[in-house]
PDB file of N, CA and C in Angstrom:
ATOM      1  N   UNK A   1     103.291 213.971 156.385  1.00  0.00           N
ATOM      2  CA  UNK A   1     104.272 214.640 157.207  1.00  0.00           C
ATOM      3  C   UNK A   1     104.692 215.981 156.649  1.00  0.00           C
ATOM      4  N   UNK A   2     104.827 216.055 155.306  1.00  0.00           N
ATOM      5  CA  UNK A   2     105.288 217.331 154.625  1.00  0.00           C
ATOM      6  C   UNK A   2     104.266 218.415 154.911  1.00  0.00           C
ATOM      7  N   UNK A   3     102.950 218.082 154.888  1.00  0.00           N
ATOM      8  CA  UNK A   3     101.949 219.115 155.203  1.00  0.00           C
ATOM      9  C   UNK A   3     102.116 219.652 156.625  1.00  0.00           C
ATOM     10  N   UNK A   4     102.407 218.708 157.517  1.00  0.00           N
ATOM     11  CA  UNK A   4     102.599 219.140 158.959  1.00  0.00           C
ATOM     12  C   UNK A   4     103.814 220.055 159.108  1.00  0.00           C
ATOM     13  N   UNK A   5     104.902 219.713 158.339  1.00  0.00           N
ATOM     14  CA  UNK A   5     106.075 220.551 158.405  1.00  0.00           C
ATOM     15  C   UNK A   5     105.789 221.928 157.763  1.00  0.00           C
ATOM     16  N   UNK A   6     105.022 221.874 156.680  1.00  0.00           N
ATOM     17  CA  UNK A   6     104.681 223.144 155.916  1.00  0.00           C
ATOM     18  C   UNK A   6     103.984 224.079 156.866  1.00  0.00           C
ATOM     19  N   UNK A   7     103.183 223.580 157.756  1.00  0.00           N
ATOM     20  CA  UNK A   7     102.457 224.428 158.685  1.00  0.00           C
ATOM     21  C   UNK A   7     103.329 224.799 159.940  1.00  0.00           C
ATOM     22  N   UNK A   8     104.234 223.870 160.293  1.00  0.00           N
ATOM     23  CA  UNK A   8     105.041 224.099 161.481  1.00  0.00           C
ATOM     24  C   UNK A   8     106.161 225.124 161.266  1.00  0.00           C
ATOM     25  N   UNK A   9     106.794 225.058 160.165  1.00  0.00           N
ATOM     26  CA  UNK A   9     108.041 225.922 159.912  1.00  0.00           C
ATOM     27  C   UNK A   9     107.763 227.408 160.132  1.00  0.00           C
ATOM     28  N   UNK A  10     106.716 228.000 159.564  1.00  0.00           N
ATOM     29  CA  UNK A  10     106.508 229.507 159.785  1.00  0.00           C
ATOM     30  C   UNK A  10     106.296 229.869 161.274  1.00  0.00           C
ATOM     31  N   UNK A  11     106.008 228.871 162.087  1.00  0.00           N
ATOM     32  CA  UNK A  11     105.790 229.214 163.514  1.00  0.00           C
ATOM     33  C   UNK A  11     107.170 229.186 164.285  1.00  0.00           C
ATOM     34  N   UNK A  12     108.223 228.757 163.658  1.00  0.00           N
ATOM     35  CA  UNK A  12     109.519 228.744 164.276  1.00  0.00           C
ATOM     36  C   UNK A  12     110.278 230.026 163.973  1.00  0.00           C
ATOM     37  N   UNK A  13     110.904 230.554 164.978  1.00  0.00           N
ATOM     38  CA  UNK A  13     111.560 231.913 164.822  1.00  0.00           C
ATOM     39  C   UNK A  13     112.544 231.888 163.650  1.00  0.00           C
ATOM     40  N   UNK A  14     113.322 230.875 163.413  1.00  0.00           N
ATOM     41  CA  UNK A  14     114.311 230.891 162.414  1.00  0.00           C
ATOM     42  C   UNK A  14     113.710 230.947 161.002  1.00  0.00           C
ATOM     43  N   UNK A  15     112.466 230.498 160.815  1.00  0.00           N
ATOM     44  CA  UNK A  15     111.758 230.572 159.587  1.00  0.00           C
ATOM     45  C   UNK A  15     110.834 231.612 159.447  1.00  0.00           C
ATOM     46  N   UNK A  16     110.456 232.253 160.532  1.00  0.00           N
ATOM     47  CA  UNK A  16     109.456 233.322 160.535  1.00  0.00           C
ATOM     48  C   UNK A  16     109.818 234.428 159.528  1.00  0.00           C
ATOM     49  N   UNK A  17     108.844 234.784 158.781  1.00  0.00           N
ATOM     50  CA  UNK A  17     109.107 235.908 157.844  1.00  0.00           C
ATOM     51  C   UNK A  17     109.430 235.419 156.412  1.00  0.00           C
ATOM     52  N   UNK A  18     109.687 234.128 156.233  1.00  0.00           N
ATOM     53  CA  UNK A  18     109.927 233.560 154.937  1.00  0.00           C
ATOM     54  C   UNK A  18     108.640 233.578 154.109  1.00  0.00           C
ATOM     55  N   UNK A  19     108.774 233.791 152.795  1.00  0.00           N
ATOM     56  CA  UNK A  19     107.634 233.715 151.960  1.00  0.00           C
ATOM     57  C   UNK A  19     107.238 232.266 151.768  1.00  0.00           C
ATOM     58  N   UNK A  20     106.022 232.052 151.335  1.00  0.00           N
ATOM     59  CA  UNK A  20     105.523 230.686 151.124  1.00  0.00           C
ATOM     60  C   UNK A  20     106.416 229.904 150.210  1.00  0.00           C
ATOM     61  N   UNK A  21     106.898 230.564 149.128  1.00  0.00           N
ATOM     62  CA  UNK A  21     107.755 229.859 148.180  1.00  0.00           C
ATOM     63  C   UNK A  21     109.055 229.421 148.880  1.00  0.00           C
ATOM     64  N   UNK A  22     109.551 230.218 149.746  1.00  0.00           N
ATOM     65  CA  UNK A  22     110.831 229.869 150.475  1.00  0.00           C
ATOM     66  C   UNK A  22     110.604 228.735 151.443  1.00  0.00           C
ATOM     67  N   UNK A  23     109.449 228.757 152.097  1.00  0.00           N
ATOM     68  CA  UNK A  23     109.059 227.678 153.006  1.00  0.00           C
ATOM     69  C   UNK A  23     108.996 226.371 152.249  1.00  0.00           C
ATOM     70  N   UNK A  24     108.385 226.474 151.016  1.00  0.00           N
ATOM     71  CA  UNK A  24     108.284 225.258 150.213  1.00  0.00           C
ATOM     72  C   UNK A  24     109.655 224.692 149.859  1.00  0.00           C
ATOM     73  N   UNK A  25     110.636 225.603 149.604  1.00  0.00           N
ATOM     74  CA  UNK A  25     112.010 225.123 149.257  1.00  0.00           C
ATOM     75  C   UNK A  25     112.655 224.438 150.485  1.00  0.00           C
ATOM     76  N   UNK A  26     112.457 224.959 151.619  1.00  0.00           N
ATOM     77  CA  UNK A  26     112.989 224.412 152.843  1.00  0.00           C
ATOM     78  C   UNK A  26     112.400 222.990 153.073  1.00  0.00           C
ATOM     79  N   UNK A  27     111.073 222.933 152.893  1.00  0.00           N
ATOM     80  CA  UNK A  27     110.413 221.634 153.045  1.00  0.00           C
ATOM     81  C   UNK A  27     110.916 220.575 152.109  1.00  0.00           C
ATOM     82  N   UNK A  28     111.345 220.994 150.914  1.00  0.00           N
ATOM     83  CA  UNK A  28     111.811 220.036 149.943  1.00  0.00           C
ATOM     84  C   UNK A  28     113.219 219.491 150.375  1.00  0.00           C
ATOM     85  N   UNK A  29     113.916 220.256 151.203  1.00  0.00           N
ATOM     86  CA  UNK A  29     115.233 219.836 151.685  1.00  0.00           C
ATOM     87  C   UNK A  29     115.205 218.963 152.936  1.00  0.00           C
ATOM     88  N   UNK A  30     114.105 218.961 153.575  1.00  0.00           N
ATOM     89  CA  UNK A  30     113.973 218.260 154.932  1.00  0.00           C
ATOM     90  C   UNK A  30     113.955 216.734 154.750  1.00  0.00           C
ATOM     91  N   UNK A  31     114.635 216.071 155.572  1.00  0.00           N
ATOM     92  CA  UNK A  31     114.516 214.651 155.705  1.00  0.00           C
ATOM     93  C   UNK A  31     114.105 214.321 157.165  1.00  0.00           C
ATOM     94  N   UNK A  32     113.313 213.331 157.311  1.00  0.00           N
ATOM     95  CA  UNK A  32     112.866 212.992 158.647  1.00  0.00           C
ATOM     96  C   UNK A  32     113.659 211.814 159.167  1.00  0.00           C
ATOM     97  N   UNK A  33     113.883 211.817 160.488  1.00  0.00           N
ATOM     98  CA  UNK A  33     114.583 210.743 161.164  1.00  0.00           C
ATOM     99  C   UNK A  33     113.895 210.467 162.464  1.00  0.00           C
ATOM    100  N   UNK A  34     113.948 209.263 162.910  1.00  0.00           N
ATOM    101  CA  UNK A  34     113.442 208.871 164.250  1.00  0.00           C
ATOM    102  C   UNK A  34     114.613 208.360 165.009  1.00  0.00           C
ATOM    103  N   UNK A  35     114.640 208.671 166.311  1.00  0.00           N
ATOM    104  CA  UNK A  35     115.742 208.284 167.161  1.00  0.00           C
ATOM    105  C   UNK A  35     115.206 207.430 168.289  1.00  0.00           C
ATOM    106  N   UNK A  36     115.964 206.473 168.745  1.00  0.00           N
ATOM    107  CA  UNK A  36     115.612 205.639 169.884  1.00  0.00           C
ATOM    108  C   UNK A  36     115.770 206.477 171.174  1.00  0.00           C
ATOM    109  N   UNK A  37     115.037 205.987 172.210  1.00  0.00           N
ATOM    110  CA  UNK A  37     115.187 206.714 173.508  1.00  0.00           C
ATOM    111  C   UNK A  37     116.721 206.598 173.923  1.00  0.00           C
ATOM    112  N   UNK A  38     117.231 207.689 174.455  1.00  0.00           N
ATOM    113  CA  UNK A  38     118.609 207.805 174.908  1.00  0.00           C
ATOM    114  C   UNK A  38     119.656 207.725 173.856  1.00  0.00           C
ATOM    115  N   UNK A  39     119.267 207.752 172.542  1.00  0.00           N
ATOM    116  CA  UNK A  39     120.215 207.766 171.500  1.00  0.00           C
ATOM    117  C   UNK A  39     120.881 209.181 171.391  1.00  0.00           C
ATOM    118  N   UNK A  40     122.172 209.167 171.275  1.00  0.00           N
ATOM    119  CA  UNK A  40     122.898 210.419 171.082  1.00  0.00           C
ATOM    120  C   UNK A  40     122.802 210.797 169.611  1.00  0.00           C
ATOM    121  N   UNK A  41     122.403 211.964 169.395  1.00  0.00           N
ATOM    122  CA  UNK A  41     122.237 212.508 167.976  1.00  0.00           C
ATOM    123  C   UNK A  41     123.311 213.467 167.548  1.00  0.00           C
ATOM    124  N   UNK A  42     124.012 214.019 168.572  1.00  0.00           N
ATOM    125  CA  UNK A  42     125.117 214.935 168.319  1.00  0.00           C
ATOM    126  C   UNK A  42     126.004 214.990 169.599  1.00  0.00           C
ATOM    127  N   UNK A  43     127.277 215.253 169.398  1.00  0.00           N
ATOM    128  CA  UNK A  43     128.224 215.376 170.585  1.00  0.00           C
ATOM    129  C   UNK A  43     128.743 216.778 170.570  1.00  0.00           C
ATOM    130  N   UNK A  44     128.990 217.274 171.768  1.00  0.00           N
ATOM    131  CA  UNK A  44     129.612 218.612 171.901  1.00  0.00           C
ATOM    132  C   UNK A  44     130.864 218.638 171.111  1.00  0.00           C
ATOM    133  N   UNK A  45     131.014 219.685 170.347  1.00  0.00           N
ATOM    134  CA  UNK A  45     132.200 219.882 169.530  1.00  0.00           C
ATOM    135  C   UNK A  45     132.105 219.387 168.123  1.00  0.00           C
ATOM    136  N   UNK A  46     131.051 218.610 167.787  1.00  0.00           N
ATOM    137  CA  UNK A  46     130.847 218.098 166.427  1.00  0.00           C
ATOM    138  C   UNK A  46     130.663 219.271 165.545  1.00  0.00           C
ATOM    139  N   UNK A  47     131.163 219.169 164.254  1.00  0.00           N
ATOM    140  CA  UNK A  47     130.951 220.109 163.276  1.00  0.00           C
ATOM    141  C   UNK A  47     129.478 220.048 162.874  1.00  0.00           C
ATOM    142  N   UNK A  48     128.802 221.186 162.870  1.00  0.00           N
ATOM    143  CA  UNK A  48     127.348 221.123 162.548  1.00  0.00           C
ATOM    144  C   UNK A  48     127.163 221.171 161.040  1.00  0.00           C
ATOM    145  N   UNK A  49     126.532 220.142 160.526  1.00  0.00           N
ATOM    146  CA  UNK A  49     126.266 220.029 159.138  1.00  0.00           C
ATOM    147  C   UNK A  49     124.652 219.952 158.810  1.00  0.00           C
ATOM    148  N   UNK A  50     123.964 220.017 159.839  1.00  0.00           N
ATOM    149  CA  UNK A  50     122.486 220.024 159.731  1.00  0.00           C
ATOM    150  C   UNK A  50     121.857 220.615 161.003  1.00  0.00           C
ATOM    151  N   UNK A  51     120.548 220.713 160.978  1.00  0.00           N
ATOM    152  CA  UNK A  51     119.875 221.218 162.122  1.00  0.00           C
ATOM    153  C   UNK A  51     118.689 220.222 162.378  1.00  0.00           C
ATOM    154  N   UNK A  52     118.351 220.148 163.703  1.00  0.00           N
ATOM    155  CA  UNK A  52     117.277 219.239 164.080  1.00  0.00           C
ATOM    156  C   UNK A  52     116.093 220.053 164.528  1.00  0.00           C
ATOM    157  N   UNK A  53     114.891 219.629 164.112  1.00  0.00           N
ATOM    158  CA  UNK A  53     113.654 220.252 164.589  1.00  0.00           C
ATOM    159  C   UNK A  53     112.925 219.061 165.273  1.00  0.00           C
ATOM    160  N   UNK A  54     112.731 219.162 166.574  1.00  0.00           N
ATOM    161  CA  UNK A  54     111.992 218.116 167.265  1.00  0.00           C
ATOM    162  C   UNK A  54     110.500 218.362 167.062  1.00  0.00           C
ATOM    163  N   UNK A  55     109.928 217.434 166.313  1.00  0.00           N
ATOM    164  CA  UNK A  55     108.498 217.573 166.024  1.00  0.00           C
ATOM    165  C   UNK A  55     107.679 216.831 167.056  1.00  0.00           C
ATOM    166  N   UNK A  56     108.178 215.678 167.512  1.00  0.00           N
ATOM    167  CA  UNK A  56     107.422 214.835 168.469  1.00  0.00           C
ATOM    168  C   UNK A  56     108.443 214.314 169.460  1.00  0.00           C
ATOM    169  N   UNK A  57     108.103 214.339 170.698  1.00  0.00           N
ATOM    170  CA  UNK A  57     109.020 213.808 171.731  1.00  0.00           C
ATOM    171  C   UNK A  57     109.807 214.903 172.391  1.00  0.00           C
ATOM    172  N   UNK A  58     110.927 214.592 172.902  1.00  0.00           N
ATOM    173  CA  UNK A  58     111.750 215.541 173.601  1.00  0.00           C
ATOM    174  C   UNK A  58     113.168 215.089 173.547  1.00  0.00           C
ATOM    175  N   UNK A  59     114.066 215.991 173.870  1.00  0.00           N
ATOM    176  CA  UNK A  59     115.476 215.683 173.870  1.00  0.00           C
ATOM    177  C   UNK A  59     116.128 216.360 175.112  1.00  0.00           C
ATOM    178  N   UNK A  60     117.323 215.956 175.442  1.00  0.00           N
ATOM    179  CA  UNK A  60     118.052 216.524 176.471  1.00  0.00           C
ATOM    180  C   UNK A  60     119.397 217.003 175.909  1.00  0.00           C
ATOM    181  N   UNK A  61     119.750 218.251 176.250  1.00  0.00           N
ATOM    182  CA  UNK A  61     121.047 218.779 175.793  1.00  0.00           C
ATOM    183  C   UNK A  61     121.992 218.906 177.035  1.00  0.00           C
ATOM    184  N   UNK A  62     123.142 218.267 176.930  1.00  0.00           N
ATOM    185  CA  UNK A  62     124.108 218.265 178.053  1.00  0.00           C
ATOM    186  C   UNK A  62     125.390 218.876 177.575  1.00  0.00           C
ATOM    187  N   UNK A  63     125.876 219.939 178.207  1.00  0.00           N
ATOM    188  CA  UNK A  63     127.151 220.562 177.906  1.00  0.00           C
ATOM    189  C   UNK A  63     128.141 220.334 179.031  1.00  0.00           C
ATOM    190  N   UNK A  64     129.416 220.108 178.671  1.00  0.00           N
ATOM    191  CA  UNK A  64     130.421 220.028 179.660  1.00  0.00           C
ATOM    192  C   UNK A  64     131.148 221.357 179.828  1.00  0.00           C
ATOM    193  N   UNK A  65     131.618 221.700 181.047  1.00  0.00           N
ATOM    194  CA  UNK A  65     132.252 222.980 181.206  1.00  0.00           C
ATOM    195  C   UNK A  65     133.416 223.247 180.371  1.00  0.00           C
ATOM    196  N   UNK A  66     134.107 222.230 179.954  1.00  0.00           N
ATOM    197  CA  UNK A  66     135.331 222.498 179.133  1.00  0.00           C
ATOM    198  C   UNK A  66     135.051 222.570 177.581  1.00  0.00           C
ATOM    199  N   UNK A  67     133.786 222.385 177.265  1.00  0.00           N
ATOM    200  CA  UNK A  67     133.440 222.328 175.842  1.00  0.00           C
ATOM    201  C   UNK A  67     133.057 223.649 175.285  1.00  0.00           C
TER     202      UNK A  67
END
């Protein structure tokens, strides 16, 4: 999985332009998680303490007008 992430990260805009050494550092910080279908992984208004990269599958983002 780490090799897959090592190849994936430079293709993502947020990581584009990072040197190989920097990409390696990011890869060392990544943990993988699997989520069940329809599982909520974040709620609108939650304090962001991490970021998610969807490697396989899909997700739905729903925003409420008052949020």
